[in-house]
């Protein structure tokens, strides 16, 4: 099940420029907080889609710039419980409740090297 934590319906704007944004994360015992540093974000065009293992962040900012990041999470989250998106003047914060109060080694699940993925599919 996918939950959308959004400010309003997302719209696609032609003529936008995909831009990298600095983002980082930190955690508490019960939450993971992802911060995306994009000044002058447009709430009506920004959204976050999340399920228990994946977060897709889309931020429109400074009129014609957009940032998109899909993250496969290290651990599971409970999207319906205590999860929120806060849009501030200089950043967007995504707060997600951990399914279990454990320390995550990192935010995202590391991807397998491409040759490892091919070996895994050859053995099945």
PDB file of N, CA and C in Angstrom:
ATOM      1  N   UNK A   1       0.841  -1.173   0.000  1.00  0.00           N
ATOM      2  CA  UNK A   1       0.000   0.000   0.000  1.00  0.00           C
ATOM      3  C   UNK A   1       0.887   1.238   0.000  1.00  0.00           C
ATOM      4  N   UNK A   2       0.558   2.205  -0.824  1.00  0.00           N
ATOM      5  CA  UNK A   2       1.316   3.447  -0.954  1.00  0.00           C
ATOM      6  C   UNK A   2       0.519   4.576  -0.321  1.00  0.00           C
ATOM      7  N   UNK A   3       1.152   5.351   0.508  1.00  0.00           N
ATOM      8  CA  UNK A   3       0.542   6.531   1.119  1.00  0.00           C
ATOM      9  C   UNK A   3       1.238   7.748   0.542  1.00  0.00           C
ATOM     10  N   UNK A   4       0.479   8.748   0.176  1.00  0.00           N
ATOM     11  CA  UNK A   4       1.076   9.983  -0.313  1.00  0.00           C
ATOM     12  C   UNK A   4       0.981  11.030   0.772  1.00  0.00           C
ATOM     13  N   UNK A   5       2.137  11.504   1.205  1.00  0.00           N
ATOM     14  CA  UNK A   5       2.209  12.579   2.184  1.00  0.00           C
ATOM     15  C   UNK A   5       2.452  13.850   1.377  1.00  0.00           C
ATOM     16  N   UNK A   6       1.398  14.561   1.031  1.00  0.00           N
ATOM     17  CA  UNK A   6       1.586  15.672   0.115  1.00  0.00           C
ATOM     18  C   UNK A   6       0.930  16.941   0.621  1.00  0.00           C
ATOM     19  N   UNK A   7       1.264  18.013  -0.029  1.00  0.00           N
ATOM     20  CA  UNK A   7       0.661  19.296   0.274  1.00  0.00           C
ATOM     21  C   UNK A   7      -0.570  19.510  -0.595  1.00  0.00           C
ATOM     22  N   UNK A   8      -0.581  18.980  -1.779  1.00  0.00           N
ATOM     23  CA  UNK A   8      -1.746  18.982  -2.662  1.00  0.00           C
ATOM     24  C   UNK A   8      -1.448  18.062  -3.835  1.00  0.00           C
ATOM     25  N   UNK A   9      -2.348  18.029  -4.793  1.00  0.00           N
ATOM     26  CA  UNK A   9      -2.136  17.172  -5.955  1.00  0.00           C
ATOM     27  C   UNK A   9      -0.896  17.610  -6.714  1.00  0.00           C
ATOM     28  N   UNK A  10      -0.139  16.644  -7.175  1.00  0.00           N
ATOM     29  CA  UNK A  10       1.069  16.973  -7.938  1.00  0.00           C
ATOM     30  C   UNK A  10       0.693  17.263  -9.381  1.00  0.00           C
ATOM     31  N   UNK A  11       1.422  18.183  -9.972  1.00  0.00           N
ATOM     32  CA  UNK A  11       1.230  18.556 -11.362  1.00  0.00           C
ATOM     33  C   UNK A  11       2.566  18.504 -12.061  1.00  0.00           C
ATOM     34  N   UNK A  12       2.561  18.154 -13.320  1.00  0.00           N
ATOM     35  CA  UNK A  12       3.803  18.156 -14.085  1.00  0.00           C
ATOM     36  C   UNK A  12       3.883  19.470 -14.841  1.00  0.00           C
ATOM     37  N   UNK A  13       4.974  20.172 -14.707  1.00  0.00           N
ATOM     38  CA  UNK A  13       5.171  21.431 -15.413  1.00  0.00           C
ATOM     39  C   UNK A  13       6.168  21.225 -16.525  1.00  0.00           C
ATOM     40  N   UNK A  14       5.817  21.644 -17.732  1.00  0.00           N
ATOM     41  CA  UNK A  14       6.771  21.579 -18.826  1.00  0.00           C
ATOM     42  C   UNK A  14       7.780  22.700 -18.650  1.00  0.00           C
ATOM     43  N   UNK A  15       8.995  22.457 -19.075  1.00  0.00           N
ATOM     44  CA  UNK A  15      10.016  23.475 -18.974  1.00  0.00           C
ATOM     45  C   UNK A  15      10.730  23.503 -17.642  1.00  0.00           C
ATOM     46  N   UNK A  16      10.539  22.491 -16.814  1.00  0.00           N
ATOM     47  CA  UNK A  16      11.252  22.456 -15.537  1.00  0.00           C
ATOM     48  C   UNK A  16      12.645  21.892 -15.753  1.00  0.00           C
ATOM     49  N   UNK A  17      13.538  22.245 -14.847  1.00  0.00           N
ATOM     50  CA  UNK A  17      14.912  21.786 -14.906  1.00  0.00           C
ATOM     51  C   UNK A  17      15.167  20.870 -13.716  1.00  0.00           C
ATOM     52  N   UNK A  18      15.596  19.647 -13.979  1.00  0.00           N
ATOM     53  CA  UNK A  18      15.922  18.717 -12.896  1.00  0.00           C
ATOM     54  C   UNK A  18      17.253  19.157 -12.294  1.00  0.00           C
ATOM     55  N   UNK A  19      17.252  19.375 -10.990  1.00  0.00           N
ATOM     56  CA  UNK A  19      18.429  19.880 -10.290  1.00  0.00           C
ATOM     57  C   UNK A  19      18.768  18.968  -9.115  1.00  0.00           C
ATOM     58  N   UNK A  20      20.043  18.783  -8.848  1.00  0.00           N
ATOM     59  CA  UNK A  20      20.404  18.054  -7.628  1.00  0.00           C
ATOM     60  C   UNK A  20      20.201  18.964  -6.426  1.00  0.00           C
ATOM     61  N   UNK A  21      19.827  18.373  -5.330  1.00  0.00           N
ATOM     62  CA  UNK A  21      19.719  19.098  -4.061  1.00  0.00           C
ATOM     63  C   UNK A  21      20.507  18.324  -3.022  1.00  0.00           C
ATOM     64  N   UNK A  22      21.074  19.042  -2.087  1.00  0.00           N
ATOM     65  CA  UNK A  22      21.725  18.367  -0.974  1.00  0.00           C
ATOM     66  C   UNK A  22      20.637  17.818  -0.070  1.00  0.00           C
ATOM     67  N   UNK A  23      20.805  16.584   0.341  1.00  0.00           N
ATOM     68  CA  UNK A  23      19.890  16.029   1.333  1.00  0.00           C
ATOM     69  C   UNK A  23      20.676  15.151   2.280  1.00  0.00           C
ATOM     70  N   UNK A  24      20.191  15.080   3.507  1.00  0.00           N
ATOM     71  CA  UNK A  24      20.816  14.212   4.495  1.00  0.00           C
ATOM     72  C   UNK A  24      19.726  13.643   5.387  1.00  0.00           C
ATOM     73  N   UNK A  25      20.148  12.861   6.359  1.00  0.00           N
ATOM     74  CA  UNK A  25      19.178  12.220   7.234  1.00  0.00           C
ATOM     75  C   UNK A  25      19.772  12.050   8.618  1.00  0.00           C
ATOM     76  N   UNK A  26      18.911  11.882   9.585  1.00  0.00           N
ATOM     77  CA  UNK A  26      19.329  11.493  10.925  1.00  0.00           C
ATOM     78  C   UNK A  26      18.193  10.657  11.514  1.00  0.00           C
ATOM     79  N   UNK A  27      18.477  10.045  12.636  1.00  0.00           N
ATOM     80  CA  UNK A  27      17.493   9.159  13.241  1.00  0.00           C
ATOM     81  C   UNK A  27      17.443   9.333  14.739  1.00  0.00           C
ATOM     82  N   UNK A  28      16.292   9.018  15.282  1.00  0.00           N
ATOM     83  CA  UNK A  28      16.126   8.887  16.723  1.00  0.00           C
ATOM     84  C   UNK A  28      15.790   7.416  16.952  1.00  0.00           C
ATOM     85  N   UNK A  29      15.478   7.043  18.151  1.00  0.00           N
ATOM     86  CA  UNK A  29      15.120   5.658  18.405  1.00  0.00           C
ATOM     87  C   UNK A  29      13.892   5.212  17.641  1.00  0.00           C
ATOM     88  N   UNK A  30      12.953   6.138  17.394  1.00  0.00           N
ATOM     89  CA  UNK A  30      11.692   5.756  16.777  1.00  0.00           C
ATOM     90  C   UNK A  30      11.439   6.370  15.406  1.00  0.00           C
ATOM     91  N   UNK A  31      12.289   7.310  14.962  1.00  0.00           N
ATOM     92  CA  UNK A  31      12.028   7.991  13.700  1.00  0.00           C
ATOM     93  C   UNK A  31      13.265   8.125  12.826  1.00  0.00           C
ATOM     94  N   UNK A  32      13.008   8.273  11.529  1.00  0.00           N
ATOM     95  CA  UNK A  32      14.027   8.631  10.547  1.00  0.00           C
ATOM     96  C   UNK A  32      13.570   9.952   9.947  1.00  0.00           C
ATOM     97  N   UNK A  33      14.463  10.933   9.916  1.00  0.00           N
ATOM     98  CA  UNK A  33      14.141  12.242   9.375  1.00  0.00           C
ATOM     99  C   UNK A  33      15.047  12.523   8.184  1.00  0.00           C
ATOM    100  N   UNK A  34      14.446  12.770   7.023  1.00  0.00           N
ATOM    101  CA  UNK A  34      15.175  13.084   5.798  1.00  0.00           C
ATOM    102  C   UNK A  34      14.973  14.571   5.524  1.00  0.00           C
ATOM    103  N   UNK A  35      16.064  15.309   5.331  1.00  0.00           N
ATOM    104  CA  UNK A  35      15.998  16.742   5.031  1.00  0.00           C
ATOM    105  C   UNK A  35      16.506  16.986   3.619  1.00  0.00           C
ATOM    106  N   UNK A  36      15.688  17.687   2.823  1.00  0.00           N
ATOM    107  CA  UNK A  36      16.054  18.045   1.460  1.00  0.00           C
ATOM    108  C   UNK A  36      16.192  19.564   1.433  1.00  0.00           C
ATOM    109  N   UNK A  37      17.367  20.052   1.071  1.00  0.00           N
ATOM    110  CA  UNK A  37      17.652  21.482   1.119  1.00  0.00           C
ATOM    111  C   UNK A  37      17.353  22.113  -0.231  1.00  0.00           C
ATOM    112  N   UNK A  38      16.153  22.665  -0.365  1.00  0.00           N
ATOM    113  CA  UNK A  38      15.697  23.327  -1.589  1.00  0.00           C
ATOM    114  C   UNK A  38      14.980  24.604  -1.176  1.00  0.00           C
ATOM    115  N   UNK A  39      15.551  25.746  -1.512  1.00  0.00           N
ATOM    116  CA  UNK A  39      14.964  27.031  -1.129  1.00  0.00           C
ATOM    117  C   UNK A  39      13.751  27.345  -1.994  1.00  0.00           C
ATOM    118  N   UNK A  40      12.811  28.031  -1.361  1.00  0.00           N
ATOM    119  CA  UNK A  40      11.602  28.500  -2.047  1.00  0.00           C
ATOM    120  C   UNK A  40      10.823  27.358  -2.688  1.00  0.00           C
ATOM    121  N   UNK A  41      10.598  26.307  -1.913  1.00  0.00           N
ATOM    122  CA  UNK A  41       9.833  25.164  -2.405  1.00  0.00           C
ATOM    123  C   UNK A  41       8.392  25.573  -2.684  1.00  0.00           C
ATOM    124  N   UNK A  42       7.801  24.908  -3.647  1.00  0.00           N
ATOM    125  CA  UNK A  42       6.415  25.168  -4.022  1.00  0.00           C
ATOM    126  C   UNK A  42       5.536  24.060  -3.437  1.00  0.00           C
ATOM    127  N   UNK A  43       4.839  24.337  -2.350  1.00  0.00           N
ATOM    128  CA  UNK A  43       4.058  23.289  -1.685  1.00  0.00           C
ATOM    129  C   UNK A  43       3.004  22.641  -2.569  1.00  0.00           C
ATOM    130  N   UNK A  44       2.375  23.428  -3.440  1.00  0.00           N
ATOM    131  CA  UNK A  44       1.308  22.876  -4.273  1.00  0.00           C
ATOM    132  C   UNK A  44       1.817  21.908  -5.333  1.00  0.00           C
ATOM    133  N   UNK A  45       3.134  21.882  -5.575  1.00  0.00           N
ATOM    134  CA  UNK A  45       3.709  21.006  -6.598  1.00  0.00           C
ATOM    135  C   UNK A  45       4.693  19.985  -6.034  1.00  0.00           C
ATOM    136  N   UNK A  46       4.842  19.934  -4.729  1.00  0.00           N
ATOM    137  CA  UNK A  46       5.792  19.024  -4.088  1.00  0.00           C
ATOM    138  C   UNK A  46       5.031  17.914  -3.374  1.00  0.00           C
ATOM    139  N   UNK A  47       5.629  16.714  -3.363  1.00  0.00           N
ATOM    140  CA  UNK A  47       4.967  15.595  -2.687  1.00  0.00           C
ATOM    141  C   UNK A  47       5.980  14.539  -2.278  1.00  0.00           C
ATOM    142  N   UNK A  48       5.525  13.653  -1.392  1.00  0.00           N
ATOM    143  CA  UNK A  48       6.297  12.499  -0.966  1.00  0.00           C
ATOM    144  C   UNK A  48       5.371  11.292  -1.034  1.00  0.00           C
ATOM    145  N   UNK A  49       5.801  10.244  -1.726  1.00  0.00           N
ATOM    146  CA  UNK A  49       5.075   8.977  -1.759  1.00  0.00           C
ATOM    147  C   UNK A  49       5.881   7.997  -0.921  1.00  0.00           C
ATOM    148  N   UNK A  50       5.203   7.251  -0.075  1.00  0.00           N
ATOM    149  CA  UNK A  50       5.931   6.326   0.788  1.00  0.00           C
ATOM    150  C   UNK A  50       5.115   5.071   1.039  1.00  0.00           C
ATOM    151  N   UNK A  51       5.838   3.956   1.161  1.00  0.00           N
ATOM    152  CA  UNK A  51       5.247   2.734   1.678  1.00  0.00           C
ATOM    153  C   UNK A  51       6.194   2.219   2.752  1.00  0.00           C
ATOM    154  N   UNK A  52       6.082   0.999   3.174  1.00  0.00           N
ATOM    155  CA  UNK A  52       6.883   0.525   4.298  1.00  0.00           C
ATOM    156  C   UNK A  52       8.371   0.410   4.002  1.00  0.00           C
ATOM    157  N   UNK A  53       8.765   0.361   2.728  1.00  0.00           N
ATOM    158  CA  UNK A  53      10.185   0.171   2.409  1.00  0.00           C
ATOM    159  C   UNK A  53      10.761   1.181   1.415  1.00  0.00           C
ATOM    160  N   UNK A  54       9.932   2.027   0.832  1.00  0.00           N
ATOM    161  CA  UNK A  54      10.392   2.941  -0.211  1.00  0.00           C
ATOM    162  C   UNK A  54       9.818   4.335   0.000  1.00  0.00           C
ATOM    163  N   UNK A  55      10.641   5.346  -0.309  1.00  0.00           N
ATOM    164  CA  UNK A  55      10.199   6.740  -0.274  1.00  0.00           C
ATOM    165  C   UNK A  55      10.579   7.384  -1.597  1.00  0.00           C
ATOM    166  N   UNK A  56       9.621   8.056  -2.222  1.00  0.00           N
ATOM    167  CA  UNK A  56       9.874   8.812  -3.442  1.00  0.00           C
ATOM    168  C   UNK A  56       9.580  10.276  -3.128  1.00  0.00           C
ATOM    169  N   UNK A  57      10.609  11.116  -3.211  1.00  0.00           N
ATOM    170  CA  UNK A  57      10.499  12.528  -2.855  1.00  0.00           C
ATOM    171  C   UNK A  57      10.551  13.365  -4.121  1.00  0.00           C
ATOM    172  N   UNK A  58       9.605  14.272  -4.263  1.00  0.00           N
ATOM    173  CA  UNK A  58       9.555  15.162  -5.424  1.00  0.00           C
ATOM    174  C   UNK A  58       9.356  16.587  -4.907  1.00  0.00           C
ATOM    175  N   UNK A  59      10.311  17.468  -5.190  1.00  0.00           N
ATOM    176  CA  UNK A  59      10.249  18.849  -4.720  1.00  0.00           C
ATOM    177  C   UNK A  59      10.379  19.783  -5.917  1.00  0.00           C
ATOM    178  N   UNK A  60       9.429  20.689  -6.056  1.00  0.00           N
ATOM    179  CA  UNK A  60       9.521  21.779  -7.024  1.00  0.00           C
ATOM    180  C   UNK A  60       9.963  23.009  -6.241  1.00  0.00           C
ATOM    181  N   UNK A  61      10.942  23.750  -6.781  1.00  0.00           N
ATOM    182  CA  UNK A  61      11.442  24.915  -6.057  1.00  0.00           C
ATOM    183  C   UNK A  61      11.948  25.977  -7.013  1.00  0.00           C
ATOM    184  N   UNK A  62      12.039  27.173  -6.493  1.00  0.00           N
ATOM    185  CA  UNK A  62      12.514  28.344  -7.235  1.00  0.00           C
ATOM    186  C   UNK A  62      11.836  28.480  -8.589  1.00  0.00           C
ATOM    187  N   UNK A  63      10.554  28.184  -8.637  1.00  0.00           N
ATOM    188  CA  UNK A  63       9.765  28.401  -9.838  1.00  0.00           C
ATOM    189  C   UNK A  63       9.831  27.318 -10.886  1.00  0.00           C
ATOM    190  N   UNK A  64      11.039  26.963 -11.354  1.00  0.00           N
ATOM    191  CA  UNK A  64      11.129  26.041 -12.484  1.00  0.00           C
ATOM    192  C   UNK A  64      12.118  24.901 -12.274  1.00  0.00           C
ATOM    193  N   UNK A  65      12.515  24.664 -11.025  1.00  0.00           N
ATOM    194  CA  UNK A  65      13.476  23.597 -10.751  1.00  0.00           C
ATOM    195  C   UNK A  65      12.770  22.460 -10.018  1.00  0.00           C
ATOM    196  N   UNK A  66      13.228  21.241 -10.286  1.00  0.00           N
ATOM    197  CA  UNK A  66      12.654  20.101  -9.586  1.00  0.00           C
ATOM    198  C   UNK A  66      13.746  19.137  -9.142  1.00  0.00           C
ATOM    199  N   UNK A  67      13.463  18.473  -8.036  1.00  0.00           N
ATOM    200  CA  UNK A  67      14.360  17.463  -7.470  1.00  0.00           C
ATOM    201  C   UNK A  67      13.521  16.230  -7.225  1.00  0.00           C
ATOM    202  N   UNK A  68      14.055  15.072  -7.606  1.00  0.00           N
ATOM    203  CA  UNK A  68      13.353  13.819  -7.342  1.00  0.00           C
ATOM    204  C   UNK A  68      14.359  12.787  -6.854  1.00  0.00           C
ATOM    205  N   UNK A  69      13.987  12.068  -5.812  1.00  0.00           N
ATOM    206  CA  UNK A  69      14.869  11.050  -5.244  1.00  0.00           C
ATOM    207  C   UNK A  69      14.020   9.874  -4.786  1.00  0.00           C
ATOM    208  N   UNK A  70      14.362   8.677  -5.248  1.00  0.00           N
ATOM    209  CA  UNK A  70      13.710   7.455  -4.787  1.00  0.00           C
ATOM    210  C   UNK A  70      14.692   6.728  -3.882  1.00  0.00           C
ATOM    211  N   UNK A  71      14.234   6.361  -2.697  1.00  0.00           N
ATOM    212  CA  UNK A  71      15.092   5.721  -1.710  1.00  0.00           C
ATOM    213  C   UNK A  71      14.465   4.398  -1.276  1.00  0.00           C
ATOM    214  N   UNK A  72      15.219   3.308  -1.427  1.00  0.00           N
ATOM    215  CA  UNK A  72      14.808   2.025  -0.854  1.00  0.00           C
ATOM    216  C   UNK A  72      15.426   1.989   0.534  1.00  0.00           C
ATOM    217  N   UNK A  73      14.581   2.012   1.536  1.00  0.00           N
ATOM    218  CA  UNK A  73      15.023   2.214   2.916  1.00  0.00           C
ATOM    219  C   UNK A  73      15.748   1.004   3.493  1.00  0.00           C
ATOM    220  N   UNK A  74      16.662   1.289   4.413  1.00  0.00           N
ATOM    221  CA  UNK A  74      17.428   0.261   5.121  1.00  0.00           C
ATOM    222  C   UNK A  74      16.501  -0.620   5.958  1.00  0.00           C
ATOM    223  N   UNK A  75      15.557   0.000   6.620  1.00  0.00           N
ATOM    224  CA  UNK A  75      14.604  -0.717   7.469  1.00  0.00           C
ATOM    225  C   UNK A  75      13.180  -0.356   7.074  1.00  0.00           C
ATOM    226  N   UNK A  76      12.232  -0.927   7.771  1.00  0.00           N
ATOM    227  CA  UNK A  76      10.824  -0.675   7.468  1.00  0.00           C
ATOM    228  C   UNK A  76      10.305   0.498   8.281  1.00  0.00           C
ATOM    229  N   UNK A  77       9.297   1.176   7.725  1.00  0.00           N
ATOM    230  CA  UNK A  77       8.640   2.283   8.414  1.00  0.00           C
ATOM    231  C   UNK A  77       7.141   2.042   8.439  1.00  0.00           C
ATOM    232  N   UNK A  78       6.470   2.707   9.363  1.00  0.00           N
ATOM    233  CA  UNK A  78       5.016   2.674   9.456  1.00  0.00           C
ATOM    234  C   UNK A  78       4.512   4.028   8.990  1.00  0.00           C
ATOM    235  N   UNK A  79       4.112   4.106   7.748  1.00  0.00           N
ATOM    236  CA  UNK A  79       3.767   5.384   7.141  1.00  0.00           C
ATOM    237  C   UNK A  79       2.549   6.024   7.796  1.00  0.00           C
ATOM    238  N   UNK A  80       1.575   5.240   8.183  1.00  0.00           N
ATOM    239  CA  UNK A  80       0.341   5.798   8.746  1.00  0.00           C
ATOM    240  C   UNK A  80       0.513   6.338  10.168  1.00  0.00           C
ATOM    241  N   UNK A  81       1.562   5.952  10.858  1.00  0.00           N
ATOM    242  CA  UNK A  81       1.741   6.359  12.251  1.00  0.00           C
ATOM    243  C   UNK A  81       2.861   7.390  12.384  1.00  0.00           C
ATOM    244  N   UNK A  82       2.519   8.569  12.831  1.00  0.00           N
ATOM    245  CA  UNK A  82       3.494   9.621  13.150  1.00  0.00           C
ATOM    246  C   UNK A  82       4.455   9.941  12.010  1.00  0.00           C
ATOM    247  N   UNK A  83       4.025   9.815  10.775  1.00  0.00           N
ATOM    248  CA  UNK A  83       4.837  10.226   9.642  1.00  0.00           C
ATOM    249  C   UNK A  83       4.296  11.545   9.133  1.00  0.00           C
ATOM    250  N   UNK A  84       5.196  12.440   8.721  1.00  0.00           N
ATOM    251  CA  UNK A  84       4.757  13.768   8.299  1.00  0.00           C
ATOM    252  C   UNK A  84       5.772  14.396   7.360  1.00  0.00           C
ATOM    253  N   UNK A  85       5.311  15.388   6.617  1.00  0.00           N
ATOM    254  CA  UNK A  85       6.172  16.198   5.772  1.00  0.00           C
ATOM    255  C   UNK A  85       6.019  17.641   6.231  1.00  0.00           C
ATOM    256  N   UNK A  86       7.146  18.305   6.489  1.00  0.00           N
ATOM    257  CA  UNK A  86       7.145  19.715   6.872  1.00  0.00           C
ATOM    258  C   UNK A  86       7.926  20.490   5.828  1.00  0.00           C
ATOM    259  N   UNK A  87       7.304  21.524   5.307  1.00  0.00           N
ATOM    260  CA  UNK A  87       7.959  22.367   4.314  1.00  0.00           C
ATOM    261  C   UNK A  87       8.333  23.681   4.987  1.00  0.00           C
ATOM    262  N   UNK A  88       9.631  23.944   5.047  1.00  0.00           N
ATOM    263  CA  UNK A  88      10.149  25.159   5.649  1.00  0.00           C
ATOM    264  C   UNK A  88      10.711  26.048   4.546  1.00  0.00           C
ATOM    265  N   UNK A  89      11.153  27.252   4.865  1.00  0.00           N
ATOM    266  CA  UNK A  89      11.640  28.194   3.849  1.00  0.00           C
ATOM    267  C   UNK A  89      12.830  27.651   3.066  1.00  0.00           C
ATOM    268  N   UNK A  90      13.700  26.910   3.724  1.00  0.00           N
ATOM    269  CA  UNK A  90      14.919  26.459   3.052  1.00  0.00           C
ATOM    270  C   UNK A  90      15.024  24.949   2.884  1.00  0.00           C
ATOM    271  N   UNK A  91      14.040  24.188   3.370  1.00  0.00           N
ATOM    272  CA  UNK A  91      14.147  22.731   3.242  1.00  0.00           C
ATOM    273  C   UNK A  91      12.794  22.057   3.424  1.00  0.00           C
ATOM    274  N   UNK A  92      12.755  20.794   2.992  1.00  0.00           N
ATOM    275  CA  UNK A  92      11.622  19.922   3.244  1.00  0.00           C
ATOM    276  C   UNK A  92      12.099  18.837   4.196  1.00  0.00           C
ATOM    277  N   UNK A  93      11.327  18.561   5.232  1.00  0.00           N
ATOM    278  CA  UNK A  93      11.660  17.486   6.169  1.00  0.00           C
ATOM    279  C   UNK A  93      10.601  16.391   6.083  1.00  0.00           C
ATOM    280  N   UNK A  94      11.072  15.163   5.907  1.00  0.00           N
ATOM    281  CA  UNK A  94      10.198  14.001   5.863  1.00  0.00           C
ATOM    282  C   UNK A  94      10.490  13.181   7.113  1.00  0.00           C
ATOM    283  N   UNK A  95       9.515  13.060   7.985  1.00  0.00           N
ATOM    284  CA  UNK A  95       9.668  12.283   9.225  1.00  0.00           C
ATOM    285  C   UNK A  95       8.889  10.983   9.086  1.00  0.00           C
ATOM    286  N   UNK A  96       9.586   9.864   9.258  1.00  0.00           N
ATOM    287  CA  UNK A  96       8.974   8.552   9.123  1.00  0.00           C
ATOM    288  C   UNK A  96       9.157   7.759  10.405  1.00  0.00           C
ATOM    289  N   UNK A  97       8.088   7.105  10.861  1.00  0.00           N
ATOM    290  CA  UNK A  97       8.161   6.274  12.067  1.00  0.00           C
ATOM    291  C   UNK A  97       8.744   4.919  11.713  1.00  0.00           C
ATOM    292  N   UNK A  98       9.794   4.529  12.438  1.00  0.00           N
ATOM    293  CA  UNK A  98      10.393   3.213  12.225  1.00  0.00           C
ATOM    294  C   UNK A  98       9.414   2.130  12.664  1.00  0.00           C
ATOM    295  N   UNK A  99       9.390   1.029  11.936  1.00  0.00           N
ATOM    296  CA  UNK A  99       8.555  -0.105  12.317  1.00  0.00           C
ATOM    297  C   UNK A  99       9.095  -0.768  13.588  1.00  0.00           C
ATOM    298  N   UNK A 100      10.421  -0.755  13.734  1.00  0.00           N
ATOM    299  CA  UNK A 100      11.075  -1.296  14.925  1.00  0.00           C
ATOM    300  C   UNK A 100      12.078  -0.268  15.430  1.00  0.00           C
ATOM    301  N   UNK A 101      12.191  -0.097  16.744  1.00  0.00           N
ATOM    302  CA  UNK A 101      13.117   0.914  17.290  1.00  0.00           C
ATOM    303  C   UNK A 101      14.570   0.426  17.306  1.00  0.00           C
ATOM    304  N   UNK A 102      15.114   0.180  16.119  1.00  0.00           N
ATOM    305  CA  UNK A 102      16.505  -0.259  16.003  1.00  0.00           C
ATOM    306  C   UNK A 102      17.308   0.832  15.304  1.00  0.00           C
ATOM    307  N   UNK A 103      18.613   0.814  15.485  1.00  0.00           N
ATOM    308  CA  UNK A 103      19.480   1.781  14.816  1.00  0.00           C
ATOM    309  C   UNK A 103      19.765   1.307  13.401  1.00  0.00           C
ATOM    310  N   UNK A 104      19.556   2.198  12.448  1.00  0.00           N
ATOM    311  CA  UNK A 104      19.851   1.889  11.057  1.00  0.00           C
ATOM    312  C   UNK A 104      21.306   2.217  10.788  1.00  0.00           C
ATOM    313  N   UNK A 105      21.994   1.344  10.065  1.00  0.00           N
ATOM    314  CA  UNK A 105      23.391   1.581   9.701  1.00  0.00           C
ATOM    315  C   UNK A 105      23.503   2.674   8.647  1.00  0.00           C
ATOM    316  N   UNK A 106      22.471   2.811   7.829  1.00  0.00           N
ATOM    317  CA  UNK A 106      22.435   3.841   6.786  1.00  0.00           C
ATOM    318  C   UNK A 106      20.984   4.066   6.384  1.00  0.00           C
ATOM    319  N   UNK A 107      20.724   5.073   5.578  1.00  0.00           N
ATOM    320  CA  UNK A 107      19.358   5.383   5.170  1.00  0.00           C
ATOM    321  C   UNK A 107      18.835   4.403   4.134  1.00  0.00           C
ATOM    322  N   UNK A 108      19.665   4.108   3.146  1.00  0.00           N
ATOM    323  CA  UNK A 108      19.200   3.296   2.032  1.00  0.00           C
ATOM    324  C   UNK A 108      19.803   1.902   2.049  1.00  0.00           C
ATOM    325  N   UNK A 109      19.108   1.011   1.411  1.00  0.00           N
ATOM    326  CA  UNK A 109      19.589  -0.351   1.251  1.00  0.00           C
ATOM    327  C   UNK A 109      20.602  -0.343   0.122  1.00  0.00           C
ATOM    328  N   UNK A 110      21.819  -0.827   0.345  1.00  0.00           N
ATOM    329  CA  UNK A 110      22.804  -0.801  -0.740  1.00  0.00           C
ATOM    330  C   UNK A 110      22.363  -1.705  -1.891  1.00  0.00           C
ATOM    331  N   UNK A 111      22.587  -1.247  -3.105  1.00  0.00           N
ATOM    332  CA  UNK A 111      22.232  -2.060  -4.264  1.00  0.00           C
ATOM    333  C   UNK A 111      23.344  -3.066  -4.530  1.00  0.00           C
ATOM    334  N   UNK A 112      22.967  -4.194  -5.098  1.00  0.00           N
ATOM    335  CA  UNK A 112      23.947  -5.223  -5.445  1.00  0.00           C
ATOM    336  C   UNK A 112      24.754  -4.746  -6.644  1.00  0.00           C
ATOM    337  N   UNK A 113      26.037  -5.081  -6.703  1.00  0.00           N
ATOM    338  CA  UNK A 113      26.795  -4.780  -7.919  1.00  0.00           C
ATOM    339  C   UNK A 113      26.137  -5.487  -9.102  1.00  0.00           C
ATOM    340  N   UNK A 114      26.227  -4.899 -10.288  1.00  0.00           N
ATOM    341  CA  UNK A 114      25.520  -5.430 -11.442  1.00  0.00           C
ATOM    342  C   UNK A 114      25.926  -6.865 -11.758  1.00  0.00           C
ATOM    343  N   UNK A 115      27.217  -7.224 -11.618  1.00  0.00           N
ATOM    344  CA  UNK A 115      27.633  -8.605 -11.901  1.00  0.00           C
ATOM    345  C   UNK A 115      27.054  -9.575 -10.869  1.00  0.00           C
ATOM    346  N   UNK A 116      26.849  -9.119  -9.622  1.00  0.00           N
ATOM    347  CA  UNK A 116      26.238  -9.962  -8.587  1.00  0.00           C
ATOM    348  C   UNK A 116      24.775 -10.213  -8.927  1.00  0.00           C
ATOM    349  N   UNK A 117      24.067  -9.182  -9.418  1.00  0.00           N
ATOM    350  CA  UNK A 117      22.671  -9.343  -9.796  1.00  0.00           C
ATOM    351  C   UNK A 117      22.542 -10.364 -10.919  1.00  0.00           C
ATOM    352  N   UNK A 118      23.454 -10.335 -11.895  1.00  0.00           N
ATOM    353  CA  UNK A 118      23.402 -11.281 -13.004  1.00  0.00           C
ATOM    354  C   UNK A 118      23.660 -12.695 -12.521  1.00  0.00           C
ATOM    355  N   UNK A 119      24.617 -12.879 -11.592  1.00  0.00           N
ATOM    356  CA  UNK A 119      24.882 -14.205 -11.048  1.00  0.00           C
ATOM    357  C   UNK A 119      23.682 -14.738 -10.300  1.00  0.00           C
ATOM    358  N   UNK A 120      23.003 -13.870  -9.533  1.00  0.00           N
ATOM    359  CA  UNK A 120      21.828 -14.304  -8.776  1.00  0.00           C
ATOM    360  C   UNK A 120      20.707 -14.759  -9.704  1.00  0.00           C
ATOM    361  N   UNK A 121      20.499 -14.072 -10.809  1.00  0.00           N
ATOM    362  CA  UNK A 121      19.431 -14.466 -11.732  1.00  0.00           C
ATOM    363  C   UNK A 121      19.799 -15.714 -12.514  1.00  0.00           C
ATOM    364  N   UNK A 122      21.082 -15.971 -12.733  1.00  0.00           N
ATOM    365  CA  UNK A 122      21.514 -17.171 -13.453  1.00  0.00           C
ATOM    366  C   UNK A 122      21.321 -18.430 -12.623  1.00  0.00           C
ATOM    367  N   UNK A 123      21.335 -18.301 -11.301  1.00  0.00           N
ATOM    368  CA  UNK A 123      21.204 -19.481 -10.429  1.00  0.00           C
ATOM    369  C   UNK A 123      19.759 -19.835 -10.128  1.00  0.00           C
ATOM    370  N   UNK A 124      18.820 -19.032 -10.579  1.00  0.00           N
ATOM    371  CA  UNK A 124      17.420 -19.348 -10.262  1.00  0.00           C
ATOM    372  C   UNK A 124      16.714 -19.969 -11.429  1.00  0.00           C
TER     373      UNK A 124
END
